[in-house]
Amino acid sequence: MSDVNVFEAELQKDEGDPDGYNASYVRLAPLIGGSMLGMTLYGLPPGQSICPYHYEYGNEEWLLVLEGTPTLRHPDGEDELEPGDVVAFPEGPAGAHKLTNRGDGHVLLGILSTKVDPSLAIYPDSNKIGAWSGPGNSDKIMARLGEDLDYWDGEL
């Protein structure tokens, strides 16, 4: 059995993330041997968000606020959360969300999710859809909704 202390975990950043999305993170499942559930810790400096407003098909996510007061955008508006708050994001449009640090202090969040692949995410603000076949697999796509190809396009 492996364990990780969420308050001592080393977070990393992805190079090339645009301003406004400079969150740091660590995926915990690989560190503790998990495979059916995943949890990612995110550190948010002031003015930064985790990812664009989105919802998922095929997976449910839960948020646990560990430090700070992030702002949660959801289909009914926005709420400021505080340490100890837990929120579930069901699959589909009702689970749409975006998390932003609008305060002056640091925010630490944990997002727990099921790990069903392939997975789909819809980004309503930019009218995009993303599809991923699974970890370590390069089969993925990001496209605009409504730009459908014919089923036979490119076939012999």
C-alpha atoms as a PDB file:
ATOM      1  CA  MET A   1       0.000   0.000   0.000  1.00  0.00           C
ATOM      2  CA  SER A   2       1.267   3.483  -0.927  1.00  0.00           C
ATOM      3  CA  ASP A   3       0.138   6.781   0.488  1.00  0.00           C
ATOM      4  CA  VAL A   4       0.559  10.449  -0.355  1.00  0.00           C
ATOM      5  CA  ASN A   5      -0.028  13.426   1.925  1.00  0.00           C
ATOM      6  CA  VAL A   6      -1.982  15.972  -0.131  1.00  0.00           C
ATOM      7  CA  PHE A   7      -0.434  18.870   1.772  1.00  0.00           C
ATOM      8  CA  GLU A   8       3.116  17.662   1.027  1.00  0.00           C
ATOM      9  CA  ALA A   9       2.679  16.432  -2.561  1.00  0.00           C
ATOM     10  CA  GLU A  10       4.930  17.994  -5.202  1.00  0.00           C
ATOM     11  CA  LEU A  11       2.892  19.743  -7.888  1.00  0.00           C
ATOM     12  CA  GLN A  12       4.112  20.439 -11.438  1.00  0.00           C
ATOM     13  CA  LYS A  13       3.115  22.801 -14.253  1.00  0.00           C
ATOM     14  CA  ASP A  14       2.605  22.126 -17.932  1.00  0.00           C
ATOM     15  CA  GLU A  15       4.742  24.296 -20.191  1.00  0.00           C
ATOM     16  CA  GLY A  16       2.777  26.317 -22.715  1.00  0.00           C
ATOM     17  CA  ASP A  17      -0.443  26.752 -20.744  1.00  0.00           C
ATOM     18  CA  PRO A  18      -1.839  30.238 -21.492  1.00  0.00           C
ATOM     19  CA  ASP A  19      -2.072  32.966 -18.872  1.00  0.00           C
ATOM     20  CA  GLY A  20      -5.233  32.463 -16.885  1.00  0.00           C
ATOM     21  CA  TYR A  21      -4.676  28.685 -16.820  1.00  0.00           C
ATOM     22  CA  ASN A  22      -1.326  28.403 -15.028  1.00  0.00           C
ATOM     23  CA  ALA A  23      -2.364  25.814 -12.480  1.00  0.00           C
ATOM     24  CA  SER A  24       0.031  23.298 -10.971  1.00  0.00           C
ATOM     25  CA  TYR A  25      -1.050  19.706 -10.394  1.00  0.00           C
ATOM     26  CA  VAL A  26      -0.194  16.140  -9.479  1.00  0.00           C
ATOM     27  CA  ARG A  27      -2.152  13.013 -10.420  1.00  0.00           C
ATOM     28  CA  LEU A  28      -2.453  10.819  -7.335  1.00  0.00           C
ATOM     29  CA  ALA A  29      -3.725   7.496  -8.744  1.00  0.00           C
ATOM     30  CA  PRO A  30      -0.345   6.462 -10.224  1.00  0.00           C
ATOM     31  CA  LEU A  31       1.362   7.332  -6.936  1.00  0.00           C
ATOM     32  CA  ILE A  32      -0.935   5.180  -4.802  1.00  0.00           C
ATOM     33  CA  GLY A  33      -1.690   2.374  -7.258  1.00  0.00           C
ATOM     34  CA  GLY A  34      -5.228   3.424  -8.172  1.00  0.00           C
ATOM     35  CA  SER A  35      -6.791   2.454 -11.483  1.00  0.00           C
ATOM     36  CA  MET A  36     -10.600   2.799 -11.303  1.00  0.00           C
ATOM     37  CA  LEU A  37     -10.708   6.221  -9.646  1.00  0.00           C
ATOM     38  CA  GLY A  38      -8.433   9.174 -10.166  1.00  0.00           C
ATOM     39  CA  MET A  39      -7.702  12.250  -8.115  1.00  0.00           C
ATOM     40  CA  THR A  40      -5.729  15.259  -9.170  1.00  0.00           C
ATOM     41  CA  LEU A  41      -4.539  17.947  -6.782  1.00  0.00           C
ATOM     42  CA  TYR A  42      -4.475  21.433  -8.274  1.00  0.00           C
ATOM     43  CA  GLY A  43      -2.710  24.512  -6.982  1.00  0.00           C
ATOM     44  CA  LEU A  44      -4.167  27.789  -8.221  1.00  0.00           C
ATOM     45  CA  PRO A  45      -2.327  31.083  -7.826  1.00  0.00           C
ATOM     46  CA  PRO A  46      -4.459  34.247  -7.844  1.00  0.00           C
ATOM     47  CA  GLY A  47      -6.122  34.955 -11.190  1.00  0.00           C
ATOM     48  CA  GLN A  48      -5.717  31.418 -12.552  1.00  0.00           C
ATOM     49  CA  SER A  49      -8.201  28.674 -13.504  1.00  0.00           C
ATOM     50  CA  ILE A  50      -7.836  24.909 -13.844  1.00  0.00           C
ATOM     51  CA  CYS A  51      -9.406  24.512 -17.284  1.00  0.00           C
ATOM     52  CA  PRO A  52     -12.100  26.088 -19.459  1.00  0.00           C
ATOM     53  CA  TYR A  53     -15.783  25.720 -18.590  1.00  0.00           C
ATOM     54  CA  HIS A  54     -16.729  22.151 -19.542  1.00  0.00           C
ATOM     55  CA  TYR A  55     -18.765  19.049 -18.802  1.00  0.00           C
ATOM     56  CA  GLU A  56     -18.054  15.358 -19.285  1.00  0.00           C
ATOM     57  CA  TYR A  57     -19.827  12.363 -20.748  1.00  0.00           C
ATOM     58  CA  GLY A  58     -18.970   8.979 -19.276  1.00  0.00           C
ATOM     59  CA  ASN A  59     -17.378  10.226 -16.050  1.00  0.00           C
ATOM     60  CA  GLU A  60     -18.435  11.897 -12.837  1.00  0.00           C
ATOM     61  CA  GLU A  61     -16.178  14.310 -10.951  1.00  0.00           C
ATOM     62  CA  TRP A  62     -16.151  15.507  -7.350  1.00  0.00           C
ATOM     63  CA  LEU A  63     -14.403  18.594  -6.022  1.00  0.00           C
ATOM     64  CA  LEU A  64     -12.914  18.934  -2.523  1.00  0.00           C
ATOM     65  CA  VAL A  65     -11.609  22.369  -1.510  1.00  0.00           C
ATOM     66  CA  LEU A  66      -8.541  21.972   0.692  1.00  0.00           C
ATOM     67  CA  GLU A  67      -7.218  25.557   0.933  1.00  0.00           C
ATOM     68  CA  GLY A  68      -8.405  28.971  -0.172  1.00  0.00           C
ATOM     69  CA  THR A  69     -11.660  30.272  -1.637  1.00  0.00           C
ATOM     70  CA  PRO A  70     -12.080  29.342  -5.303  1.00  0.00           C
ATOM     71  CA  THR A  71     -14.961  30.565  -7.441  1.00  0.00           C
ATOM     72  CA  LEU A  72     -17.024  27.820  -9.031  1.00  0.00           C
ATOM     73  CA  ARG A  73     -18.836  28.639 -12.261  1.00  0.00           C
ATOM     74  CA  HIS A  74     -21.734  26.228 -12.896  1.00  0.00           C
ATOM     75  CA  PRO A  75     -24.909  26.189 -15.035  1.00  0.00           C
ATOM     76  CA  ASP A  76     -26.854  28.278 -12.483  1.00  0.00           C
ATOM     77  CA  GLY A  77     -24.207  30.967 -11.929  1.00  0.00           C
ATOM     78  CA  GLU A  78     -21.199  31.259  -9.641  1.00  0.00           C
ATOM     79  CA  ASP A  79     -20.435  30.465  -6.013  1.00  0.00           C
ATOM     80  CA  GLU A  80     -17.420  31.175  -3.835  1.00  0.00           C
ATOM     81  CA  LEU A  81     -16.352  28.000  -2.070  1.00  0.00           C
ATOM     82  CA  GLU A  82     -14.336  27.528   1.103  1.00  0.00           C
ATOM     83  CA  PRO A  83     -12.123  24.831   2.616  1.00  0.00           C
ATOM     84  CA  GLY A  84     -14.068  21.669   3.329  1.00  0.00           C
ATOM     85  CA  ASP A  85     -16.668  22.213   0.591  1.00  0.00           C
ATOM     86  CA  VAL A  86     -17.426  19.174  -1.585  1.00  0.00           C
ATOM     87  CA  VAL A  87     -19.283  19.453  -4.897  1.00  0.00           C
ATOM     88  CA  ALA A  88     -20.309  16.701  -7.343  1.00  0.00           C
ATOM     89  CA  PHE A  89     -20.281  17.292 -11.099  1.00  0.00           C
ATOM     90  CA  PRO A  90     -22.543  14.686 -12.716  1.00  0.00           C
ATOM     91  CA  GLU A  91     -21.991  13.747 -16.325  1.00  0.00           C
ATOM     92  CA  GLY A  92     -23.737  15.882 -18.919  1.00  0.00           C
ATOM     93  CA  PRO A  93     -24.621  19.589 -19.068  1.00  0.00           C
ATOM     94  CA  ALA A  94     -25.844  19.699 -15.450  1.00  0.00           C
ATOM     95  CA  GLY A  95     -22.257  19.008 -14.349  1.00  0.00           C
ATOM     96  CA  ALA A  96     -20.636  21.887 -16.265  1.00  0.00           C
ATOM     97  CA  HIS A  97     -17.977  23.685 -14.226  1.00  0.00           C
ATOM     98  CA  LYS A  98     -14.920  25.929 -14.133  1.00  0.00           C
ATOM     99  CA  LEU A  99     -12.796  26.741 -11.085  1.00  0.00           C
ATOM    100  CA  THR A 100     -10.956  30.048 -10.737  1.00  0.00           C
ATOM    101  CA  ASN A 101      -8.942  31.668  -7.959  1.00  0.00           C
ATOM    102  CA  ARG A 102     -10.277  35.239  -7.799  1.00  0.00           C
ATOM    103  CA  GLY A 103      -8.777  35.862  -4.369  1.00  0.00           C
ATOM    104  CA  ASP A 104      -5.351  36.998  -3.180  1.00  0.00           C
ATOM    105  CA  GLY A 105      -4.253  33.729  -1.567  1.00  0.00           C
ATOM    106  CA  HIS A 106      -3.315  30.293  -2.854  1.00  0.00           C
ATOM    107  CA  VAL A 107      -6.019  27.684  -3.613  1.00  0.00           C
ATOM    108  CA  LEU A 108      -5.529  23.907  -3.301  1.00  0.00           C
ATOM    109  CA  LEU A 109      -8.216  21.625  -4.745  1.00  0.00           C
ATOM    110  CA  GLY A 110      -8.687  17.904  -5.141  1.00  0.00           C
ATOM    111  CA  ILE A 111     -10.779  16.602  -8.036  1.00  0.00           C
ATOM    112  CA  LEU A 112     -11.799  12.958  -7.778  1.00  0.00           C
ATOM    113  CA  SER A 113     -13.245  11.222 -10.832  1.00  0.00           C
ATOM    114  CA  THR A 114     -14.230   7.922 -12.274  1.00  0.00           C
ATOM    115  CA  LYS A 115     -11.803   6.685 -14.954  1.00  0.00           C
ATOM    116  CA  VAL A 116     -14.026   5.391 -17.757  1.00  0.00           C
ATOM    117  CA  ASP A 117     -12.393   5.472 -21.185  1.00  0.00           C
ATOM    118  CA  PRO A 118     -12.955   6.595 -23.806  1.00  0.00           C
ATOM    119  CA  SER A 119     -14.017   9.939 -22.400  1.00  0.00           C
ATOM    120  CA  LEU A 120     -15.674  13.014 -23.873  1.00  0.00           C
ATOM    121  CA  ALA A 121     -15.682  16.638 -22.757  1.00  0.00           C
ATOM    122  CA  ILE A 122     -17.823  19.449 -24.142  1.00  0.00           C
ATOM    123  CA  TYR A 123     -16.651  23.092 -23.924  1.00  0.00           C
ATOM    124  CA  PRO A 124     -19.792  25.253 -24.310  1.00  0.00           C
ATOM    125  CA  ASP A 125     -17.996  28.629 -24.464  1.00  0.00           C
ATOM    126  CA  SER A 126     -15.905  27.631 -27.493  1.00  0.00           C
ATOM    127  CA  ASN A 127     -18.339  25.077 -28.975  1.00  0.00           C
ATOM    128  CA  LYS A 128     -15.705  22.314 -28.877  1.00  0.00           C
ATOM    129  CA  ILE A 129     -15.741  18.612 -28.145  1.00  0.00           C
ATOM    130  CA  GLY A 130     -12.732  16.616 -26.978  1.00  0.00           C
ATOM    131  CA  ALA A 131     -12.461  12.823 -27.082  1.00  0.00           C
ATOM    132  CA  TRP A 132      -9.690  10.759 -25.464  1.00  0.00           C
ATOM    133  CA  SER A 133      -9.238   7.002 -25.815  1.00  0.00           C
ATOM    134  CA  GLY A 134      -7.305   6.568 -22.569  1.00  0.00           C
ATOM    135  CA  PRO A 135      -4.057   7.282 -20.713  1.00  0.00           C
ATOM    136  CA  GLY A 136      -0.886   6.739 -22.689  1.00  0.00           C
ATOM    137  CA  ASN A 137      -2.798   6.406 -25.957  1.00  0.00           C
ATOM    138  CA  SER A 138      -2.365   9.060 -28.616  1.00  0.00           C
ATOM    139  CA  ASP A 139      -5.882   8.582 -30.041  1.00  0.00           C
ATOM    140  CA  LYS A 140      -7.541  11.890 -29.216  1.00  0.00           C
ATOM    141  CA  ILE A 141      -9.408  14.643 -31.021  1.00  0.00           C
ATOM    142  CA  MET A 142     -10.502  18.220 -30.362  1.00  0.00           C
ATOM    143  CA  ALA A 143     -13.098  19.545 -32.840  1.00  0.00           C
ATOM    144  CA  ARG A 144     -15.860  22.106 -33.178  1.00  0.00           C
ATOM    145  CA  LEU A 145     -19.346  20.841 -32.556  1.00  0.00           C
ATOM    146  CA  GLY A 146     -21.509  20.903 -35.661  1.00  0.00           C
ATOM    147  CA  GLU A 147     -18.653  20.286 -38.102  1.00  0.00           C
ATOM    148  CA  ASP A 148     -19.747  16.749 -38.835  1.00  0.00           C
ATOM    149  CA  LEU A 149     -17.991  14.615 -41.411  1.00  0.00           C
ATOM    150  CA  ASP A 150     -19.996  12.209 -43.494  1.00  0.00           C
ATOM    151  CA  TYR A 151     -19.640   8.630 -42.249  1.00  0.00           C
ATOM    152  CA  TRP A 152     -18.104   7.627 -45.615  1.00  0.00           C
ATOM    153  CA  ASP A 153     -15.718  10.617 -45.851  1.00  0.00           C
ATOM    154  CA  GLY A 154     -12.221   9.372 -46.750  1.00  0.00           C
ATOM    155  CA  GLU A 155     -13.278   5.735 -47.131  1.00  0.00           C
ATOM    156  CA  LEU A 156     -12.692   3.709 -50.298  1.00  0.00           C
END
